[in-house]
Structures are given as structure tokens and as C-alpha cells.
N, C-alpha and C. Protein backbone atom coordinates (compact mmCIF):
# COMPACT_ATOMS: atom_id res chain seq x y z
N MET A 1 122.89 78.78 73.17
CA MET A 1 122.96 79.19 74.55
C MET A 1 123.72 80.20 74.57
N SER A 2 124.83 80.50 73.86
CA SER A 2 125.34 81.31 73.58
C SER A 2 124.52 82.78 73.73
N LEU A 3 123.16 82.53 72.89
CA LEU A 3 122.01 83.92 72.56
C LEU A 3 121.63 84.54 74.04
N VAL A 4 121.63 82.73 74.79
CA VAL A 4 120.73 83.42 76.30
C VAL A 4 121.78 83.95 76.92
N GLN A 5 123.06 83.40 77.13
CA GLN A 5 124.05 83.90 78.26
C GLN A 5 124.47 85.24 77.97
N ALA A 6 124.45 85.66 76.36
CA ALA A 6 124.84 87.22 76.44
C ALA A 6 123.66 88.22 76.81
N ILE A 7 121.96 87.58 76.46
CA ILE A 7 121.09 88.76 76.75
C ILE A 7 120.57 88.83 78.52
N SER A 8 121.26 87.83 79.16
CA SER A 8 121.06 87.58 80.94
C SER A 8 121.85 88.08 81.24
N SER A 9 123.54 88.73 80.47
CA SER A 9 124.24 89.05 81.01
C SER A 9 124.41 90.53 80.51
N SER A 10 123.83 90.86 79.99
CA SER A 10 124.49 91.78 79.45
C SER A 10 123.30 93.24 78.76
N PRO A 11 122.65 94.27 79.75
CA PRO A 11 121.56 94.62 79.50
C PRO A 11 122.03 95.34 77.76
N ARG A 12 123.34 95.47 77.28
CA ARG A 12 123.17 95.98 75.83
C ARG A 12 122.75 95.23 74.89
N ALA A 13 123.69 93.98 75.42
CA ALA A 13 122.34 92.96 74.49
C ALA A 13 121.43 92.21 74.17
N ALA A 14 121.28 92.66 75.61
CA ALA A 14 119.83 92.63 75.58
C ALA A 14 118.65 93.23 74.96
N ASP A 15 119.32 94.88 75.15
CA ASP A 15 118.71 96.38 74.21
C ASP A 15 118.81 95.57 72.97
N SER A 16 119.89 96.05 72.01
CA SER A 16 119.61 94.80 70.85
C SER A 16 118.87 93.78 70.42
N LEU A 17 118.65 92.56 71.24
CA LEU A 17 117.61 91.69 70.53
C LEU A 17 116.22 92.26 70.95
N ARG A 18 116.04 93.62 72.11
CA ARG A 18 114.84 94.38 72.29
C ARG A 18 114.25 94.93 70.82
N ASP A 19 115.33 95.64 70.52
CA ASP A 19 115.01 96.68 69.64
C ASP A 19 114.91 96.00 67.79
N PHE A 20 116.50 94.67 68.07
CA PHE A 20 115.78 93.60 66.77
C PHE A 20 114.42 93.26 66.48
N ILE A 21 113.68 92.85 67.56
CA ILE A 21 112.70 92.11 67.22
C ILE A 21 110.67 92.72 67.89
N ALA A 22 111.54 94.54 68.34
CA ALA A 22 110.83 95.47 68.18
C ALA A 22 110.32 96.66 66.74
N GLU A 23 111.67 95.91 65.97
CA GLU A 23 111.74 96.82 64.39
C GLU A 23 110.82 95.37 63.27
N ARG A 24 110.88 94.30 64.10
CA ARG A 24 110.44 93.49 62.99
C ARG A 24 108.92 93.39 63.32
N ILE A 25 108.38 93.34 64.42
CA ILE A 25 107.24 93.50 64.73
C ILE A 25 106.12 94.97 64.58
N ALA A 26 106.31 94.96 63.42
CA ALA A 26 106.01 96.63 63.16
C ALA A 26 104.18 96.21 63.52
N PRO A 27 103.36 97.63 63.86
CA PRO A 27 102.13 97.42 64.08
C PRO A 27 101.33 97.30 62.71
N GLN A 28 100.06 96.68 62.95
CA GLN A 28 99.55 96.08 61.59
C GLN A 28 98.56 97.38 61.39
N VAL A 29 98.34 98.49 63.12
CA VAL A 29 97.07 99.29 62.19
C VAL A 29 98.03 100.34 62.43
N SER A 30 97.61 101.67 61.82
CA SER A 30 98.23 102.68 61.45
C SER A 30 97.65 103.20 63.16
N GLY A 31 99.15 104.17 63.20
CA GLY A 31 99.22 104.76 65.09
C GLY A 31 100.24 105.00 65.31
N ASN A 32 100.45 105.14 66.60
CA ASN A 32 101.64 105.23 67.20
C ASN A 32 102.28 103.56 67.80
N PRO A 33 103.47 103.91 67.28
CA PRO A 33 103.82 102.04 67.65
C PRO A 33 104.54 101.78 69.07
N GLU A 34 104.55 103.01 69.34
CA GLU A 34 104.90 103.32 71.28
C GLU A 34 104.37 103.04 72.19
N ASP A 35 102.87 103.14 71.74
CA ASP A 35 101.27 103.14 72.32
C ASP A 35 101.60 102.40 73.20
N ARG A 36 101.22 101.94 74.43
CA ARG A 36 100.88 101.34 75.36
C ARG A 36 100.61 99.66 75.00
N ASP A 37 99.69 100.04 74.59
CA ASP A 37 98.47 98.78 74.26
C ASP A 37 99.91 98.02 73.16
N TRP A 38 99.92 98.73 72.09
CA TRP A 38 101.34 97.80 71.23
C TRP A 38 102.31 97.91 71.96
N ARG A 39 102.84 98.06 72.72
CA ARG A 39 104.05 97.74 73.48
C ARG A 39 103.72 96.29 73.79
N ILE A 40 102.40 96.62 74.66
CA ILE A 40 102.13 94.85 75.29
C ILE A 40 102.17 93.62 74.10
N ARG A 41 101.57 93.70 73.41
CA ARG A 41 101.52 93.53 72.04
C ARG A 41 102.35 92.50 71.96
N ARG A 42 103.62 93.67 71.38
CA ARG A 42 105.14 93.39 71.12
C ARG A 42 105.64 92.97 71.93
N SER A 43 105.84 92.76 73.14
CA SER A 43 106.31 92.41 74.06
C SER A 43 105.80 90.19 73.96
N LEU A 44 104.19 90.98 74.56
CA LEU A 44 103.79 89.15 73.61
C LEU A 44 104.07 88.66 72.80
N ILE A 45 103.86 89.20 71.92
CA ILE A 45 104.63 88.47 70.46
C ILE A 45 106.10 88.06 70.45
N GLY A 46 107.08 89.06 71.29
CA GLY A 46 108.44 88.74 70.68
C GLY A 46 108.83 87.08 72.28
N SER A 47 107.82 86.94 73.67
CA SER A 47 107.96 86.30 74.26
C SER A 47 107.89 84.82 73.64
N GLN A 48 106.71 84.87 72.92
CA GLN A 48 106.20 83.78 71.82
C GLN A 48 107.36 83.53 71.22
N LEU A 49 107.77 84.05 70.26
CA LEU A 49 109.10 84.07 69.47
C LEU A 49 110.13 83.59 69.59
N ILE A 50 110.31 84.01 70.81
CA ILE A 50 111.63 83.65 71.80
C ILE A 50 111.58 82.33 72.35
N GLY A 51 110.85 82.26 72.99
CA GLY A 51 109.73 80.63 73.44
C GLY A 51 110.16 79.73 72.82
N LEU A 52 109.56 80.25 71.93
CA LEU A 52 109.54 79.19 70.31
C LEU A 52 110.79 78.78 70.20
N ALA A 53 111.54 79.53 69.89
CA ALA A 53 113.36 79.19 69.09
C ALA A 53 113.80 78.76 70.69
N PHE A 54 113.64 79.03 71.37
CA PHE A 54 114.40 78.48 73.03
C PHE A 54 114.56 76.61 72.70
N GLN A 55 112.56 77.04 72.89
CA GLN A 55 112.32 75.30 72.73
C GLN A 55 112.77 74.33 71.75
N ARG A 56 112.71 74.78 70.62
CA ARG A 56 112.98 74.17 69.09
C ARG A 56 114.39 74.51 69.00
N TYR A 57 115.69 75.76 69.00
CA TYR A 57 116.70 75.28 68.49
C TYR A 57 118.03 74.97 69.55
N VAL A 58 117.38 75.13 70.94
CA VAL A 58 118.18 75.40 72.23
C VAL A 58 118.14 73.75 72.51
N MET A 59 116.99 73.81 73.35
CA MET A 59 116.47 72.62 74.17
C MET A 59 115.70 71.26 73.09
N ARG A 60 115.81 72.00 71.77
CA ARG A 60 115.08 70.75 71.11
C ARG A 60 114.18 69.97 71.35
N ALA A 61 113.37 70.65 71.82
CA ALA A 61 112.48 69.78 72.52
C ALA A 61 110.90 68.97 71.43
N GLU A 62 110.56 67.83 72.06
CA GLU A 62 109.96 67.57 70.35
C GLU A 62 108.82 67.60 70.78
N PRO A 63 107.78 67.31 69.96
CA PRO A 63 108.22 67.59 68.70
C PRO A 63 108.32 68.71 67.75
N LEU A 64 108.27 69.79 68.72
CA LEU A 64 108.55 70.67 68.02
C LEU A 64 109.72 71.18 67.09
N ALA A 65 111.33 70.32 68.21
CA ALA A 65 112.32 70.44 66.97
C ALA A 65 112.51 69.87 65.96
N THR A 66 111.38 69.05 65.18
CA THR A 66 111.48 67.99 64.25
C THR A 66 110.95 68.25 63.65
N ALA A 67 109.93 69.54 63.85
CA ALA A 67 108.68 69.58 62.74
C ALA A 67 109.37 70.86 61.64
N GLU A 68 108.08 69.94 60.54
CA GLU A 68 108.54 70.83 59.32
C GLU A 68 107.95 72.42 59.97
N PRO A 69 108.42 73.20 59.47
CA PRO A 69 108.25 74.56 59.61
C PRO A 69 106.65 75.48 59.28
N GLY A 70 106.14 74.71 58.83
CA GLY A 70 104.61 75.25 58.34
C GLY A 70 104.17 74.67 59.45
N GLN A 71 103.95 73.50 59.64
CA GLN A 71 103.65 73.12 60.79
C GLN A 71 103.81 73.74 61.90
N VAL A 72 104.84 74.73 62.65
CA VAL A 72 105.38 75.13 63.34
C VAL A 72 104.89 76.86 63.43
N ALA A 73 104.58 77.16 62.27
CA ALA A 73 103.67 77.96 61.68
C ALA A 73 102.49 77.50 62.31
N ALA A 74 101.48 77.04 62.07
CA ALA A 74 100.01 76.13 62.40
C ALA A 74 99.85 76.52 63.73
N TRP A 75 100.82 75.80 64.36
CA TRP A 75 100.92 75.98 65.85
C TRP A 75 100.75 76.74 66.64
N ALA A 76 101.62 78.02 66.13
CA ALA A 76 102.09 78.87 66.57
C ALA A 76 101.26 80.43 66.55
N GLY A 77 100.71 80.34 64.93
CA GLY A 77 100.54 81.47 64.43
C GLY A 77 99.41 81.59 65.22
N PRO A 78 97.87 81.08 65.26
CA PRO A 78 96.72 81.38 65.97
C PRO A 78 97.43 82.22 67.06
N VAL A 79 98.43 82.01 68.21
CA VAL A 79 98.94 82.64 68.94
C VAL A 79 99.47 84.40 68.87
N ILE A 80 100.15 84.21 67.96
CA ILE A 80 100.16 85.56 67.70
C ILE A 80 99.23 86.29 67.03
N ASP A 81 98.25 85.75 66.16
CA ASP A 81 97.42 86.43 65.55
C ASP A 81 96.91 87.00 66.67
N ARG A 82 96.00 86.21 67.82
CA ARG A 82 95.11 86.95 68.92
C ARG A 82 96.50 87.58 69.17
N TYR A 83 97.79 87.52 70.23
CA TYR A 83 98.30 88.87 70.03
C TYR A 83 98.06 90.42 69.87
N MET A 84 97.50 89.95 68.05
CA MET A 84 98.28 91.15 67.05
C MET A 84 96.45 91.65 66.81
N HIS A 85 95.60 90.70 67.10
CA HIS A 85 94.32 91.09 66.56
C HIS A 85 92.76 91.49 67.84
N GLU A 86 93.51 90.57 68.67
CA GLU A 86 92.34 90.00 69.55
C GLU A 86 92.63 91.30 71.00
N PRO A 87 90.82 91.30 71.13
CA PRO A 87 91.29 92.62 72.28
C PRO A 87 92.01 91.46 73.80
N LEU A 88 93.11 92.67 74.95
CA LEU A 88 93.84 92.27 75.77
C LEU A 88 93.52 91.97 77.07
N ALA A 89 92.32 90.73 77.57
CA ALA A 89 92.27 90.91 79.29
C ALA A 89 93.02 92.30 80.09
N GLY A 90 91.97 92.60 80.91
CA GLY A 90 93.15 93.35 81.54
C GLY A 90 93.76 94.56 81.03
N VAL A 91 93.82 95.85 80.12
CA VAL A 91 94.19 96.27 79.19
C VAL A 91 93.24 97.49 79.17
N ALA A 92 93.52 98.68 79.85
CA ALA A 92 92.39 100.00 80.08
C ALA A 92 92.06 99.99 78.56
N GLY A 93 90.69 99.96 78.32
CA GLY A 93 90.02 101.13 77.24
C GLY A 93 89.69 99.55 76.24
N GLN A 94 90.30 98.28 76.74
CA GLN A 94 89.35 96.85 75.33
C GLN A 94 88.70 96.43 76.51
N HIS A 95 87.91 95.92 75.66
CA HIS A 95 87.05 94.76 76.19
C HIS A 95 87.41 93.42 76.45
N GLU A 96 86.74 93.07 77.82
CA GLU A 96 86.93 92.04 78.43
C GLU A 96 86.53 90.88 77.91
N THR A 97 87.87 89.87 77.06
CA THR A 97 87.12 88.91 76.87
C THR A 97 87.00 87.53 77.64
N ALA A 98 87.44 87.69 78.40
CA ALA A 98 88.06 86.16 79.08
C ALA A 98 86.96 85.89 79.84
N ALA A 99 85.86 85.16 80.44
CA ALA A 99 84.82 84.53 81.35
C ALA A 99 85.26 85.23 82.88
N GLN A 100 84.15 85.42 83.32
CA GLN A 100 84.71 86.18 84.81
C GLN A 100 84.17 85.72 85.61
């Protein structure tokens, strides 16, 4: 809980966490990591990982809290893979995949 308090009350702590996530979620394709598309993807992946960690370790939400790491990866992995590789609806220059 102290991490949540720190990042919500300190812009410096929030910047540090954002940098930490950005350094670890590297683009899988060559190109500019500051490209708008990649920044969107990185934000979505970071939100997924932070939310997952919060639910698992802070809220201790079941069955997530006691699931084996491999099971958590099986549940969350496809979502992260989608954010990494699939077209994102509503992002200019990408093919819309959602039904209209």
C-alpha cells in the first residue's frame, strides 16, 4: 500500500515508477520507442501489470492472490500480447479490428 500512497502523493515517485516501467517494456520492433503508438501500448501494458500486482499483492483478490505464477501468466499473457502486437482500435493509421 505504501507504493500506491507514494505514487499518488508524489509526482517524483510517479515519474520514477513510469520510468521503471518504460525501461522494462521495450518495443519488440525496431523504431522509435517514443512513437505515439508505442507510448499508447506501453501505457496499456503498464496499467495491466500495475493493476494485476495491486489485485494480487495489495488487495489479495482470489483466485489471483494464490494462483501459481504460470497460471497468472496464462490469464494475463494474452492481454499483454494483444497490447504488444495487435492493432489498437481508435489509433490513427491502424486498421480497426473492433466491430462497428
